[in-house]
Amino acid sequence: MEAGAQLVAGAGATMREIVSQVQQVTTLINEISTAAAEQTQCIGLVSSAVNQLESATRQNAAFVEQSAAAAGNLKHQAEGLVHVVSHFKMAAA
């Protein structure tokens, strides 16, 4: 009878240890879940920032193209002005 009681007590202690370990695992899983949610939010923020940078880069490229076209146009106009002004002669002072 005493041996049976010892077995029951041992089984009870083992069950308490298992319950404790399951609680620890549950706590760890909850912490992992919280960290994963935070990481997901941060990844979303990084993705949004990258999209904004990409948009700004595209706009800058368009501005560079427009500036180059305007510079070419100004060069053409300056060359035309030099040609027109070259027909005038300055009187000697």
N, C-alpha and C. Protein backbone atom coordinates (compact mmCIF):
# COMPACT_ATOMS: atom_id res chain seq x y z
N MET A 1 0.80 -1.17 0.00
CA MET A 1 0.00 0.00 0.00
C MET A 1 0.87 1.26 0.00
N GLU A 2 1.93 1.22 0.80
CA GLU A 2 2.82 2.37 0.86
C GLU A 2 3.50 2.61 -0.48
N ALA A 3 3.84 1.53 -1.19
CA ALA A 3 4.47 1.67 -2.49
C ALA A 3 3.52 2.33 -3.47
N GLY A 4 2.25 1.99 -3.38
CA GLY A 4 1.24 2.60 -4.24
C GLY A 4 1.10 4.08 -3.95
N ALA A 5 1.13 4.42 -2.68
CA ALA A 5 1.02 5.82 -2.29
C ALA A 5 2.23 6.61 -2.80
N GLN A 6 3.40 5.98 -2.75
CA GLN A 6 4.61 6.65 -3.25
C GLN A 6 4.52 6.85 -4.77
N LEU A 7 3.99 5.85 -5.45
CA LEU A 7 3.82 5.98 -6.90
C LEU A 7 2.84 7.10 -7.24
N VAL A 8 1.76 7.17 -6.49
CA VAL A 8 0.76 8.22 -6.72
C VAL A 8 1.38 9.59 -6.44
N ALA A 9 2.14 9.71 -5.37
CA ALA A 9 2.79 10.97 -5.02
C ALA A 9 3.80 11.35 -6.10
N GLY A 10 4.55 10.36 -6.58
CA GLY A 10 5.53 10.62 -7.65
C GLY A 10 4.83 11.05 -8.92
N ALA A 11 3.73 10.40 -9.25
CA ALA A 11 2.98 10.76 -10.45
C ALA A 11 2.42 12.17 -10.31
N GLY A 12 1.96 12.51 -9.11
CA GLY A 12 1.43 13.86 -8.87
C GLY A 12 2.52 14.91 -9.05
N ALA A 13 3.71 14.64 -8.54
CA ALA A 13 4.83 15.57 -8.68
C ALA A 13 5.21 15.71 -10.14
N THR A 14 5.22 14.60 -10.86
CA THR A 14 5.54 14.63 -12.29
C THR A 14 4.51 15.45 -13.05
N MET A 15 3.24 15.27 -12.70
CA MET A 15 2.18 16.02 -13.37
C MET A 15 2.31 17.52 -13.09
N ARG A 16 2.63 17.87 -11.84
CA ARG A 16 2.82 19.29 -11.51
C ARG A 16 3.99 19.86 -12.31
N GLU A 17 5.07 19.10 -12.45
CA GLU A 17 6.23 19.54 -13.23
C GLU A 17 5.84 19.72 -14.70
N ILE A 18 5.05 18.80 -15.24
CA ILE A 18 4.59 18.91 -16.63
C ILE A 18 3.74 20.16 -16.81
N VAL A 19 2.82 20.39 -15.87
CA VAL A 19 1.96 21.59 -15.95
C VAL A 19 2.81 22.85 -15.90
N SER A 20 3.81 22.88 -15.04
CA SER A 20 4.70 24.03 -14.93
C SER A 20 5.45 24.27 -16.24
N GLN A 21 5.95 23.20 -16.84
CA GLN A 21 6.68 23.32 -18.10
C GLN A 21 5.76 23.78 -19.22
N VAL A 22 4.53 23.29 -19.24
CA VAL A 22 3.56 23.72 -20.26
C VAL A 22 3.25 25.21 -20.09
N GLN A 23 3.13 25.67 -18.85
CA GLN A 23 2.90 27.09 -18.61
C GLN A 23 4.09 27.93 -19.10
N GLN A 24 5.30 27.44 -18.87
CA GLN A 24 6.48 28.15 -19.35
C GLN A 24 6.51 28.21 -20.87
N VAL A 25 6.18 27.10 -21.51
CA VAL A 25 6.15 27.06 -22.97
C VAL A 25 5.07 28.02 -23.49
N THR A 26 3.92 28.05 -22.82
CA THR A 26 2.85 28.96 -23.22
C THR A 26 3.30 30.41 -23.11
N THR A 27 4.00 30.73 -22.04
CA THR A 27 4.53 32.08 -21.85
C THR A 27 5.50 32.42 -22.98
N LEU A 28 6.39 31.50 -23.31
CA LEU A 28 7.35 31.74 -24.39
C LEU A 28 6.65 31.92 -25.73
N ILE A 29 5.65 31.12 -25.99
CA ILE A 29 4.91 31.23 -27.25
C ILE A 29 4.22 32.60 -27.32
N ASN A 30 3.65 33.06 -26.20
CA ASN A 30 3.01 34.38 -26.19
C ASN A 30 4.04 35.48 -26.44
N GLU A 31 5.22 35.36 -25.86
CA GLU A 31 6.28 36.36 -26.08
C GLU A 31 6.72 36.36 -27.54
N ILE A 32 6.85 35.18 -28.12
CA ILE A 32 7.23 35.07 -29.54
C ILE A 32 6.14 35.69 -30.41
N SER A 33 4.90 35.44 -30.08
CA SER A 33 3.79 36.00 -30.85
C SER A 33 3.79 37.52 -30.78
N THR A 34 4.02 38.07 -29.59
CA THR A 34 4.08 39.52 -29.43
C THR A 34 5.24 40.11 -30.23
N ALA A 35 6.41 39.47 -30.14
CA ALA A 35 7.57 39.95 -30.89
C ALA A 35 7.32 39.87 -32.39
N ALA A 36 6.68 38.81 -32.85
CA ALA A 36 6.38 38.67 -34.28
C ALA A 36 5.43 39.78 -34.74
N ALA A 37 4.45 40.11 -33.91
CA ALA A 37 3.51 41.18 -34.27
C ALA A 37 4.24 42.52 -34.35
N GLU A 38 5.16 42.78 -33.42
CA GLU A 38 5.94 44.01 -33.45
C GLU A 38 6.82 44.06 -34.69
N GLN A 39 7.43 42.93 -35.01
CA GLN A 39 8.28 42.88 -36.21
C GLN A 39 7.45 43.12 -37.47
N THR A 40 6.27 42.56 -37.51
CA THR A 40 5.39 42.76 -38.66
C THR A 40 5.05 44.24 -38.83
N GLN A 41 4.76 44.90 -37.70
CA GLN A 41 4.46 46.33 -37.76
C GLN A 41 5.68 47.12 -38.24
N CYS A 42 6.86 46.77 -37.74
CA CYS A 42 8.08 47.47 -38.15
C CYS A 42 8.39 47.23 -39.62
N ILE A 43 8.17 46.02 -40.08
CA ILE A 43 8.39 45.71 -41.50
C ILE A 43 7.44 46.55 -42.36
N GLY A 44 6.22 46.72 -41.90
CA GLY A 44 5.26 47.56 -42.62
C GLY A 44 5.74 49.00 -42.70
N LEU A 45 6.30 49.50 -41.60
CA LEU A 45 6.83 50.88 -41.59
C LEU A 45 8.02 51.01 -42.54
N VAL A 46 8.90 50.01 -42.52
CA VAL A 46 10.06 50.04 -43.42
C VAL A 46 9.60 49.99 -44.87
N SER A 47 8.64 49.14 -45.14
CA SER A 47 8.11 49.03 -46.51
C SER A 47 7.52 50.36 -46.97
N SER A 48 6.78 51.02 -46.09
CA SER A 48 6.20 52.32 -46.43
C SER A 48 7.30 53.34 -46.71
N ALA A 49 8.35 53.34 -45.88
CA ALA A 49 9.46 54.28 -46.08
C ALA A 49 10.17 54.01 -47.40
N VAL A 50 10.37 52.74 -47.73
CA VAL A 50 11.02 52.39 -49.01
C VAL A 50 10.16 52.86 -50.18
N ASN A 51 8.85 52.69 -50.07
CA ASN A 51 7.95 53.14 -51.13
C ASN A 51 8.03 54.66 -51.30
N GLN A 52 8.11 55.39 -50.18
CA GLN A 52 8.23 56.84 -50.26
C GLN A 52 9.56 57.24 -50.91
N LEU A 53 10.64 56.54 -50.54
CA LEU A 53 11.94 56.83 -51.15
C LEU A 53 11.91 56.55 -52.65
N GLU A 54 11.27 55.47 -53.03
CA GLU A 54 11.17 55.12 -54.45
C GLU A 54 10.40 56.20 -55.21
N SER A 55 9.32 56.67 -54.61
CA SER A 55 8.53 57.73 -55.24
C SER A 55 9.36 59.01 -55.38
N ALA A 56 10.09 59.37 -54.33
CA ALA A 56 10.93 60.57 -54.37
C ALA A 56 12.02 60.42 -55.43
N THR A 57 12.59 59.23 -55.54
CA THR A 57 13.63 58.99 -56.54
C THR A 57 13.07 59.16 -57.95
N ARG A 58 11.86 58.63 -58.17
CA ARG A 58 11.23 58.80 -59.49
C ARG A 58 10.97 60.27 -59.79
N GLN A 59 10.50 61.01 -58.79
CA GLN A 59 10.25 62.44 -59.00
C GLN A 59 11.55 63.17 -59.30
N ASN A 60 12.61 62.84 -58.57
CA ASN A 60 13.90 63.47 -58.81
C ASN A 60 14.40 63.18 -60.22
N ALA A 61 14.21 61.95 -60.67
CA ALA A 61 14.64 61.59 -62.03
C ALA A 61 13.86 62.41 -63.06
N ALA A 62 12.57 62.60 -62.82
CA ALA A 62 11.76 63.40 -63.74
C ALA A 62 12.23 64.85 -63.73
N PHE A 63 12.55 65.37 -62.55
CA PHE A 63 13.06 66.75 -62.47
C PHE A 63 14.38 66.90 -63.19
N VAL A 64 15.23 65.90 -63.09
CA VAL A 64 16.52 65.94 -63.80
C VAL A 64 16.29 65.98 -65.30
N GLU A 65 15.36 65.15 -65.78
CA GLU A 65 15.04 65.15 -67.21
C GLU A 65 14.52 66.52 -67.66
N GLN A 66 13.61 67.08 -66.86
CA GLN A 66 13.06 68.40 -67.20
C GLN A 66 14.15 69.47 -67.18
N SER A 67 15.03 69.40 -66.19
CA SER A 67 16.11 70.39 -66.10
C SER A 67 17.06 70.27 -67.28
N ALA A 68 17.36 69.04 -67.69
CA ALA A 68 18.25 68.84 -68.84
C ALA A 68 17.59 69.39 -70.11
N ALA A 69 16.30 69.15 -70.27
CA ALA A 69 15.59 69.66 -71.44
C ALA A 69 15.57 71.19 -71.42
N ALA A 70 15.34 71.77 -70.25
CA ALA A 70 15.32 73.23 -70.15
C ALA A 70 16.70 73.80 -70.43
N ALA A 71 17.74 73.15 -69.93
CA ALA A 71 19.10 73.63 -70.20
C ALA A 71 19.42 73.56 -71.68
N GLY A 72 19.01 72.51 -72.34
CA GLY A 72 19.21 72.39 -73.78
C GLY A 72 18.47 73.48 -74.53
N ASN A 73 17.26 73.77 -74.10
CA ASN A 73 16.47 74.82 -74.73
C ASN A 73 17.14 76.19 -74.53
N LEU A 74 17.62 76.45 -73.31
CA LEU A 74 18.30 77.72 -73.04
C LEU A 74 19.57 77.85 -73.88
N LYS A 75 20.29 76.75 -74.04
CA LYS A 75 21.50 76.77 -74.86
C LYS A 75 21.15 77.15 -76.29
N HIS A 76 20.09 76.52 -76.81
CA HIS A 76 19.66 76.80 -78.18
C HIS A 76 19.26 78.27 -78.33
N GLN A 77 18.52 78.79 -77.34
CA GLN A 77 18.12 80.19 -77.39
C GLN A 77 19.33 81.13 -77.29
N ALA A 78 20.29 80.78 -76.45
CA ALA A 78 21.50 81.61 -76.31
C ALA A 78 22.29 81.62 -77.61
N GLU A 79 22.39 80.47 -78.26
CA GLU A 79 23.10 80.42 -79.55
C GLU A 79 22.39 81.30 -80.58
N GLY A 80 21.05 81.27 -80.58
CA GLY A 80 20.28 82.11 -81.50
C GLY A 80 20.49 83.58 -81.20
N LEU A 81 20.53 83.93 -79.92
CA LEU A 81 20.76 85.32 -79.53
C LEU A 81 22.15 85.78 -79.94
N VAL A 82 23.14 84.94 -79.77
CA VAL A 82 24.51 85.29 -80.19
C VAL A 82 24.52 85.54 -81.69
N HIS A 83 23.83 84.72 -82.45
CA HIS A 83 23.79 84.88 -83.90
C HIS A 83 23.13 86.22 -84.28
N VAL A 84 22.01 86.54 -83.63
CA VAL A 84 21.29 87.79 -83.94
C VAL A 84 22.13 88.99 -83.55
N VAL A 85 22.74 88.96 -82.38
CA VAL A 85 23.53 90.09 -81.90
C VAL A 85 24.79 90.27 -82.72
N SER A 86 25.28 89.21 -83.31
CA SER A 86 26.51 89.32 -84.10
C SER A 86 26.33 90.19 -85.34
N HIS A 87 25.12 90.46 -85.75
CA HIS A 87 24.87 91.30 -86.91
C HIS A 87 25.03 92.79 -86.59
N PHE A 88 24.98 93.13 -85.34
CA PHE A 88 25.16 94.54 -84.95
C PHE A 88 26.63 94.84 -84.80
N LYS A 89 26.99 96.01 -85.23
CA LYS A 89 28.39 96.44 -85.12
C LYS A 89 28.43 97.60 -84.14
N MET A 90 29.42 97.58 -83.30
CA MET A 90 29.56 98.62 -82.30
C MET A 90 30.41 99.74 -82.91
N ALA A 91 30.00 100.95 -82.67
CA ALA A 91 30.78 102.09 -83.13
C ALA A 91 32.01 102.25 -82.24
N ALA A 92 33.11 102.64 -82.84
CA ALA A 92 34.33 102.83 -82.06
C ALA A 92 34.15 104.02 -81.15
N ALA A 93 34.60 103.90 -79.96
CA ALA A 93 34.41 104.98 -78.98
C ALA A 93 35.45 106.05 -79.10
